[in-house]
């Protein structure tokens, strides 16, 4: 397949994605944001449109297309101003599904992936704990072997898709004395006794994002729910994190594009002191700076996507992608909001939502500070 044909096919797919979101998301998103959550039925709608887990193999319900197609789904949501939903879909399709595809056995893939592709099952991943944050080795959730089962106890926090999730990949300590080598991953069916969720968290942004605390109280799960090998959980997490961080960066770039597009339209229409806002040198220079910032990061993200497709993306480069793109996203959202003036501070204008939704991008998936440490270690070793 030539590059031209590939680009044309990706463009056609993007057009389809946008049309689905314009009809199924745009008319309702504001009300969902006020309600604080998207309806569960939306997942089945997206699945029926073929927009979930698209790069998974066809035998598991996916489309078997390249990774870039999956990026397009989340990126278009972000560009169109649906930041919370882009995060929900990214976790489901670009984090949970690849864990199953890369690490799970055939029975586990057959059990969950087809349902995830149709939206019948929503996926989540639970790493962060109230007292651990980004320090995964400090987690306290435990899974104790008991015959043919494990007994899971503990809690997790800030879990995207926690309210709607039908299956959660849970990181737990199977050997508390072994440090990172004592962490294992489990596929937890949320219908099992002993599983419970807290309220959907109130956040300063991504208001309709599904974010929860999860609790496990003597939750008995079968040994067949172990994902991969016991004690290899931390290694699996480190192996899969580059894709997660790259996609977060891609969402950041797309969201910045959306903010810029809103602002270009606004400064062309807004009249101030007898002339259009776009005619002021300050406006022109700010737009020039932000557009350049966006394009530099877009080029880097595109390069990283190509590296991931070739199996060449390393952890440090993925961390650079997330760090640079999300910091840029916040700079652009802030700069664009400033050009809207007082209107930008009202929820009536979408730029305010773009500003609020952007802030978490520098936190989840590893904070900017953690990203800088990962990058520094690759260059300088541990301090």
Protein backbone atom coordinates (compact mmCIF):
# COMPACT_ATOMS: atom_id res chain seq x y z
CA UNK A 1 0.00 0.00 0.00
CA UNK A 2 1.48 3.35 -1.00
CA UNK A 3 1.78 6.29 1.37
CA UNK A 4 -0.82 8.19 -0.69
CA UNK A 5 -3.39 5.40 -0.42
CA UNK A 6 -2.67 5.03 3.30
CA UNK A 7 -3.22 8.76 3.82
CA UNK A 8 -6.45 8.69 1.80
CA UNK A 9 -7.82 5.75 3.76
CA UNK A 10 -6.89 7.35 7.07
CA UNK A 11 -8.55 10.57 5.91
CA UNK A 12 -11.75 8.72 5.01
CA UNK A 13 -11.74 7.04 8.41
CA UNK A 14 -11.24 10.42 10.09
CA UNK A 15 -14.22 11.81 8.17
CA UNK A 16 -16.36 8.91 9.39
CA UNK A 17 -15.22 9.42 12.97
CA UNK A 18 -16.09 13.12 12.85
CA UNK A 19 -19.55 12.43 11.41
CA UNK A 20 -20.32 9.94 14.19
CA UNK A 21 -19.22 12.38 16.88
CA UNK A 22 -21.15 15.24 15.29
CA UNK A 23 -24.36 13.20 15.37
CA UNK A 24 -23.93 11.13 18.53
CA UNK A 25 -21.86 13.34 20.84
CA UNK A 26 -22.07 17.05 19.90
CA UNK A 27 -25.80 17.52 20.58
CA UNK A 28 -25.56 15.96 24.04
CA UNK A 29 -22.10 16.71 25.40
CA UNK A 30 -22.99 19.88 27.28
CA UNK A 31 -25.81 18.13 29.15
CA UNK A 32 -23.51 15.19 29.93
CA UNK A 33 -20.93 17.61 31.28
CA UNK A 34 -23.55 19.14 33.57
CA UNK A 35 -24.72 15.68 34.66
CA UNK A 36 -21.12 14.72 35.45
CA UNK A 37 -21.04 11.50 33.42
CA UNK A 38 -21.74 10.15 29.93
CA UNK A 39 -24.55 7.57 29.59
CA UNK A 40 -23.55 3.92 29.62
CA UNK A 41 -25.38 3.41 26.33
CA UNK A 42 -22.87 5.67 24.56
CA UNK A 43 -20.29 2.89 24.75
CA UNK A 44 -22.56 0.57 22.76
CA UNK A 45 -23.19 3.37 20.26
CA UNK A 46 -19.46 3.86 19.71
CA UNK A 47 -18.98 0.11 19.46
CA UNK A 48 -21.71 -0.24 16.87
CA UNK A 49 -20.00 2.51 14.84
CA UNK A 50 -16.75 0.54 14.92
CA UNK A 51 -14.85 3.16 16.94
CA UNK A 52 -13.67 1.06 19.89
CA UNK A 53 -10.48 -1.04 19.97
CA UNK A 54 -10.06 -0.47 16.24
CA UNK A 55 -6.44 -1.67 16.04
CA UNK A 56 -7.20 -4.98 17.76
CA UNK A 57 -7.16 -8.06 15.49
CA UNK A 58 -10.38 -8.84 13.65
CA UNK A 59 -10.77 -12.20 15.39
CA UNK A 60 -11.26 -10.28 18.65
CA UNK A 61 -13.76 -7.79 17.25
CA UNK A 62 -11.34 -5.04 16.16
CA UNK A 63 -10.71 -3.78 12.66
CA UNK A 64 -7.10 -4.95 12.47
CA UNK A 65 -5.97 -1.50 11.31
CA UNK A 66 -2.73 0.28 12.28
CA UNK A 67 -2.35 2.01 15.65
CA UNK A 68 -2.70 5.42 14.00
CA UNK A 69 -6.39 4.74 13.39
CA UNK A 70 -6.98 4.27 17.10
CA UNK A 71 -5.18 7.55 17.76
CA UNK A 72 -7.55 9.30 15.34
CA UNK A 73 -10.61 8.33 17.42
CA UNK A 74 -9.32 9.87 20.64
CA UNK A 75 -7.66 12.79 18.88
CA UNK A 76 -10.84 13.85 17.09
CA UNK A 77 -12.75 13.77 20.36
CA UNK A 78 -10.06 15.99 21.89
CA UNK A 79 -9.98 18.37 18.92
CA UNK A 80 -13.76 18.75 18.99
CA UNK A 81 -13.65 19.73 22.66
CA UNK A 82 -14.80 16.46 24.21
CA UNK A 83 -11.79 16.04 26.48
CA UNK A 84 -13.40 13.84 29.09
CA UNK A 85 -14.73 11.37 26.55
CA UNK A 86 -11.37 11.28 24.75
CA UNK A 87 -9.80 10.18 28.04
CA UNK A 88 -12.48 7.54 28.67
CA UNK A 89 -12.08 6.06 25.19
CA UNK A 90 -8.27 6.26 25.32
CA UNK A 91 -8.17 4.20 28.53
CA UNK A 92 -10.57 1.60 27.14
CA UNK A 93 -9.09 1.23 23.63
CA UNK A 94 -5.46 2.31 23.96
CA UNK A 95 -4.53 1.04 27.41
CA UNK A 96 -6.76 -1.81 28.58
CA UNK A 97 -7.22 -3.52 25.20
CA UNK A 98 -3.46 -3.63 24.42
CA UNK A 99 -2.73 -5.16 27.84
CA UNK A 100 -5.09 -7.98 26.95
CA UNK A 101 -3.80 -8.28 23.40
CA UNK A 102 -0.11 -8.30 24.37
CA UNK A 103 -0.15 -10.12 27.71
CA UNK A 104 -3.40 -12.05 28.00
CA UNK A 105 -3.86 -15.67 27.04
CA UNK A 106 -6.30 -16.78 24.36
CA UNK A 107 -9.13 -17.47 26.78
CA UNK A 108 -8.78 -14.01 28.35
CA UNK A 109 -8.71 -12.31 24.96
CA UNK A 110 -11.81 -14.19 23.81
CA UNK A 111 -13.60 -13.42 27.07
CA UNK A 112 -13.10 -9.65 27.04
CA UNK A 113 -11.87 -8.14 23.77
CA UNK A 114 -14.95 -8.82 21.59
CA UNK A 115 -17.19 -7.32 24.28
CA UNK A 116 -14.90 -4.30 24.57
CA UNK A 117 -15.02 -3.77 20.80
CA UNK A 118 -18.83 -3.69 20.82
CA UNK A 119 -19.07 -1.58 23.99
CA UNK A 120 -20.81 -4.41 25.83
CA UNK A 121 -17.93 -4.34 28.32
CA UNK A 122 -16.11 -1.19 29.42
CA UNK A 123 -12.50 -1.51 30.49
CA UNK A 124 -10.48 0.31 33.17
CA UNK A 125 -7.04 -0.04 34.73
CA UNK A 126 -6.37 0.48 38.42
CA UNK A 127 -2.82 1.35 39.46
CA UNK A 128 -2.97 4.55 41.54
CA UNK A 129 -3.74 4.34 45.26
CA UNK A 130 -4.66 7.08 47.76
CA UNK A 131 -1.23 6.95 49.44
CA UNK A 132 0.95 5.93 46.53
CA UNK A 133 0.27 8.21 43.55
CA UNK A 134 2.89 7.73 40.85
CA UNK A 135 4.99 5.49 43.14
CA UNK A 136 3.67 2.14 41.96
CA UNK A 137 6.05 0.16 44.16
CA UNK A 138 4.40 1.69 47.24
CA UNK A 139 0.98 0.18 46.45
CA UNK A 140 -0.71 -1.69 49.28
CA UNK A 141 -3.53 -3.53 47.51
CA UNK A 142 -2.84 -7.24 48.02
CA UNK A 143 -3.77 -10.47 46.26
CA UNK A 144 -3.23 -13.54 48.41
CA UNK A 145 -3.28 -17.00 46.81
CA UNK A 146 -5.95 -19.29 48.25
CA UNK A 147 -6.33 -22.63 46.49
CA UNK A 148 -7.57 -22.00 42.94
CA UNK A 149 -8.28 -18.35 43.73
CA UNK A 150 -6.72 -15.11 44.87
CA UNK A 151 -8.28 -12.94 47.55
CA UNK A 152 -8.01 -9.25 46.70
CA UNK A 153 -8.07 -6.48 49.32
CA UNK A 154 -7.33 -2.77 49.05
CA UNK A 155 -8.42 0.34 47.19
CA UNK A 156 -7.55 2.42 44.15
CA UNK A 157 -8.26 6.04 43.27
CA UNK A 158 -8.58 8.34 40.23
CA UNK A 159 -9.70 5.39 38.12
CA UNK A 160 -10.97 6.44 34.70
CA UNK A 161 -14.11 4.49 33.66
CA UNK A 162 -14.53 3.34 37.26
CA UNK A 163 -18.29 3.91 37.28
CA UNK A 164 -19.08 2.09 34.03
CA UNK A 165 -16.30 -0.52 34.05
CA UNK A 166 -17.25 -4.16 33.62
CA UNK A 167 -13.63 -5.31 33.83
CA UNK A 168 -10.73 -3.63 35.62
CA UNK A 169 -7.06 -4.54 35.30
CA UNK A 170 -5.92 -4.30 38.92
CA UNK A 171 -2.28 -4.07 40.00
CA UNK A 172 -1.76 -5.77 43.38
CA UNK A 173 1.02 -7.08 45.57
CA UNK A 174 1.28 -10.86 45.48
CA UNK A 175 4.59 -10.76 47.40
CA UNK A 176 4.81 -7.72 49.70
CA UNK A 177 8.50 -8.37 50.42
CA UNK A 178 9.64 -8.47 46.80
CA UNK A 179 9.24 -4.79 45.91
CA UNK A 180 8.60 -4.25 42.19
CA UNK A 181 8.97 -8.00 41.59
CA UNK A 182 6.04 -8.67 43.90
CA UNK A 183 3.43 -6.89 41.77
CA UNK A 184 0.96 -8.85 39.62
CA UNK A 185 -1.94 -7.87 37.36
CA UNK A 186 -5.46 -9.28 37.50
CA UNK A 187 -8.53 -9.06 35.28
CA UNK A 188 -11.27 -8.26 37.77
CA UNK A 189 -14.89 -8.82 36.81
CA UNK A 190 -16.74 -5.95 38.52
CA UNK A 191 -19.87 -8.06 39.07
CA UNK A 192 -18.06 -10.22 41.66
CA UNK A 193 -18.95 -9.93 45.37
CA UNK A 194 -16.45 -7.77 47.27
CA UNK A 195 -16.04 -5.23 44.48
CA UNK A 196 -17.46 -1.75 45.07
CA UNK A 197 -16.99 1.74 43.71
CA UNK A 198 -17.15 5.14 45.36
CA UNK A 199 -18.88 8.18 43.92
CA UNK A 200 -17.93 9.68 40.59
CA UNK A 201 -15.35 12.29 41.59
CA UNK A 202 -15.94 16.02 41.19
CA UNK A 203 -13.08 17.54 39.19
CA UNK A 204 -12.13 21.02 38.02
CA UNK A 205 -12.22 19.80 34.42
CA UNK A 206 -13.36 16.85 32.33
CA UNK A 207 -16.62 17.03 34.24
CA UNK A 208 -18.41 14.19 32.47
CA UNK A 209 -15.35 12.00 32.79
CA UNK A 210 -16.00 8.81 34.70
CA UNK A 211 -13.42 8.90 37.54
CA UNK A 212 -13.81 6.88 40.73
CA UNK A 213 -12.38 5.25 43.80
CA UNK A 214 -12.56 1.45 43.76
CA UNK A 215 -12.64 -0.88 46.75
CA UNK A 216 -11.84 -4.59 47.08
CA UNK A 217 -12.99 -6.38 50.22
CA UNK A 218 -12.11 -10.09 50.36
CA UNK A 219 -12.82 -10.16 46.63
CA UNK A 220 -12.28 -13.72 45.46
CA UNK A 221 -11.02 -13.97 41.88
CA UNK A 222 -10.04 -17.17 40.06
CA UNK A 223 -6.39 -17.88 39.21
CA UNK A 224 -7.44 -17.71 35.58
CA UNK A 225 -7.87 -13.96 36.13
CA UNK A 226 -4.09 -13.52 36.56
CA UNK A 227 -2.84 -11.46 33.59
CA UNK A 228 0.49 -12.85 32.41
CA UNK A 229 2.82 -14.26 35.04
CA UNK A 230 2.75 -13.67 38.77
CA UNK A 231 5.33 -11.12 39.90
CA UNK A 232 5.76 -9.62 36.43
CA UNK A 233 3.16 -6.88 36.82
CA UNK A 234 5.60 -4.01 37.21
CA UNK A 235 7.50 -5.08 34.10
CA UNK A 236 4.22 -5.27 32.15
CA UNK A 237 3.26 -1.79 33.34
CA UNK A 238 6.61 -0.34 32.25
CA UNK A 239 6.32 -2.07 28.87
CA UNK A 240 2.83 -0.76 28.14
CA UNK A 241 3.22 2.78 29.53
CA UNK A 242 4.93 4.22 26.40
CA UNK A 243 1.77 3.72 24.32
CA UNK A 244 -0.35 5.31 27.04
CA UNK A 245 1.94 8.33 27.29
CA UNK A 246 2.17 8.71 23.54
CA UNK A 247 -1.61 8.72 23.17
CA UNK A 248 -1.97 11.29 25.95
CA UNK A 249 0.49 13.45 24.03
CA UNK A 250 -1.51 12.93 20.83
CA UNK A 251 -4.69 14.01 22.62
CA UNK A 252 -2.85 17.10 23.86
CA UNK A 253 -1.81 18.08 20.35
CA UNK A 254 -5.33 17.54 19.00
CA UNK A 255 -6.90 19.55 21.82
CA UNK A 256 -4.48 22.41 21.12
CA UNK A 257 -5.57 22.34 17.47
CA UNK A 258 -9.17 22.65 18.59
CA UNK A 259 -8.37 25.60 20.88
CA UNK A 260 -6.49 27.37 18.10
CA UNK A 261 -9.31 26.85 15.61
CA UNK A 262 -11.83 28.34 18.04
CA UNK A 263 -9.56 31.31 18.64
CA UNK A 264 -8.80 31.97 14.97
CA UNK A 265 -12.53 32.25 14.33
CA UNK A 266 -13.09 34.46 17.37
CA UNK A 267 -10.31 37.00 16.66
CA UNK A 268 -11.61 37.33 13.10
CA UNK A 269 -15.08 38.22 14.37
CA UNK A 270 -14.39 40.24 17.52
CA UNK A 271 -14.18 44.00 17.07
CA UNK A 272 -12.27 46.10 19.60
CA UNK A 273 -11.48 49.83 19.39
CA UNK A 274 -12.86 49.95 15.87
CA UNK A 275 -10.85 47.09 14.42
CA UNK A 276 -10.85 43.34 14.41
CA UNK A 277 -8.96 41.66 17.22
CA UNK A 278 -6.82 39.82 14.67
CA UNK A 279 -5.40 43.15 13.48
CA UNK A 280 -3.62 43.90 16.77
CA UNK A 281 0.06 43.01 16.76
CA UNK A 282 -0.22 41.31 20.15
CA UNK A 283 -2.92 38.99 18.80
CA UNK A 284 -0.94 38.23 15.66
CA UNK A 285 2.25 37.46 17.56
CA UNK A 286 0.48 35.28 20.13
CA UNK A 287 -1.26 33.30 17.42
CA UNK A 288 2.05 32.89 15.56
CA UNK A 289 3.78 31.62 18.71
CA UNK A 290 1.02 29.18 19.59
CA UNK A 291 0.65 27.82 16.06
CA UNK A 292 4.41 27.22 15.91
CA UNK A 293 4.34 25.54 19.33
CA UNK A 294 1.52 23.31 18.11
CA UNK A 295 3.20 22.34 14.84
CA UNK A 296 6.53 21.47 16.44
CA UNK A 297 4.80 19.15 18.90
CA UNK A 298 2.54 17.69 16.21
CA UNK A 299 5.60 16.76 14.15
CA UNK A 300 7.21 15.09 17.15
CA UNK A 301 4.05 13.16 18.02
CA UNK A 302 3.73 11.97 14.41
CA UNK A 303 7.36 10.80 14.53
CA UNK A 304 6.69 8.90 17.77
CA UNK A 305 3.56 7.26 16.31
CA UNK A 306 5.67 6.00 13.42
CA UNK A 307 8.30 4.71 15.86
CA UNK A 308 5.62 2.91 17.87
CA UNK A 309 4.26 1.30 14.70
CA UNK A 310 7.78 -0.02 13.99
CA UNK A 311 8.24 -1.24 17.57
CA UNK A 312 10.99 1.32 18.16
CA UNK A 313 9.43 3.74 20.66
CA UNK A 314 11.36 3.69 23.96
CA UNK A 315 10.16 4.83 27.37
CA UNK A 316 12.20 8.04 27.44
CA UNK A 317 11.00 9.21 24.03
CA UNK A 318 7.38 8.46 24.95
CA UNK A 319 7.89 10.47 28.14
CA UNK A 320 9.27 13.35 26.07
CA UNK A 321 6.19 13.18 23.86
CA UNK A 322 3.77 13.33 26.78
CA UNK A 323 5.72 15.98 28.65
CA UNK A 324 6.21 18.32 25.71
CA UNK A 325 2.76 17.95 24.15
CA UNK A 326 0.75 18.33 27.36
CA UNK A 327 2.76 21.32 28.54
CA UNK A 328 2.16 22.86 25.10
CA UNK A 329 -1.55 22.05 25.33
CA UNK A 330 -1.83 23.99 28.58
CA UNK A 331 0.16 26.95 27.21
CA UNK A 332 -2.06 27.11 24.14
CA UNK A 333 -5.31 26.74 26.10
CA UNK A 334 -4.23 29.53 28.42
CA UNK A 335 -3.09 31.80 25.59
CA UNK A 336 -6.27 31.23 23.62
CA UNK A 337 -8.49 31.88 26.62
CA UNK A 338 -6.65 35.18 27.20
CA UNK A 339 -7.52 36.33 23.69
CA UNK A 340 -11.20 35.70 24.42
CA UNK A 341 -10.95 38.14 27.34
CA UNK A 342 -13.84 38.07 29.81
CA UNK A 343 -15.85 35.77 27.56
CA UNK A 344 -13.14 33.15 27.90
CA UNK A 345 -13.80 33.02 31.63
CA UNK A 346 -17.44 32.09 31.12
CA UNK A 347 -18.62 28.54 30.62
CA UNK A 348 -20.70 29.78 27.70
CA UNK A 349 -17.61 29.65 25.48
CA UNK A 350 -16.02 26.24 24.75
CA UNK A 351 -12.52 27.65 25.22
CA UNK A 352 -13.12 27.67 28.98
CA UNK A 353 -13.77 23.92 28.93
CA UNK A 354 -10.64 23.37 26.83
CA UNK A 355 -8.66 25.28 29.46
CA UNK A 356 -10.05 23.29 32.39
CA UNK A 357 -9.86 19.92 30.64
CA UNK A 358 -6.21 20.48 29.69
CA UNK A 359 -4.84 20.69 33.21
CA UNK A 360 -5.09 17.00 34.10
CA UNK A 361 -3.06 16.03 31.04
CA UNK A 362 0.10 17.06 32.89
CA UNK A 363 -0.86 14.79 35.80
CA UNK A 364 -2.34 11.43 34.76
CA UNK A 365 -0.27 8.82 32.99
CA UNK A 366 2.70 10.13 34.98
CA UNK A 367 3.15 13.78 35.99
CA UNK A 368 5.40 16.12 34.04
CA UNK A 369 7.89 15.84 36.89
CA UNK A 370 7.93 12.04 36.60
CA UNK A 371 8.36 12.38 32.83
CA UNK A 372 11.41 14.59 33.34
CA UNK A 373 12.91 12.06 35.74
CA UNK A 374 12.38 9.21 33.24
CA UNK A 375 14.05 11.30 30.53
CA UNK A 376 16.93 12.30 32.80
CA UNK A 377 17.59 8.70 33.86
CA UNK A 378 17.87 7.67 30.22
CA UNK A 379 20.58 10.28 29.72
CA UNK A 380 22.30 10.51 33.10
CA UNK A 381 21.39 7.37 35.03
CA UNK A 382 19.84 7.43 38.48
CA UNK A 383 20.70 10.29 40.84
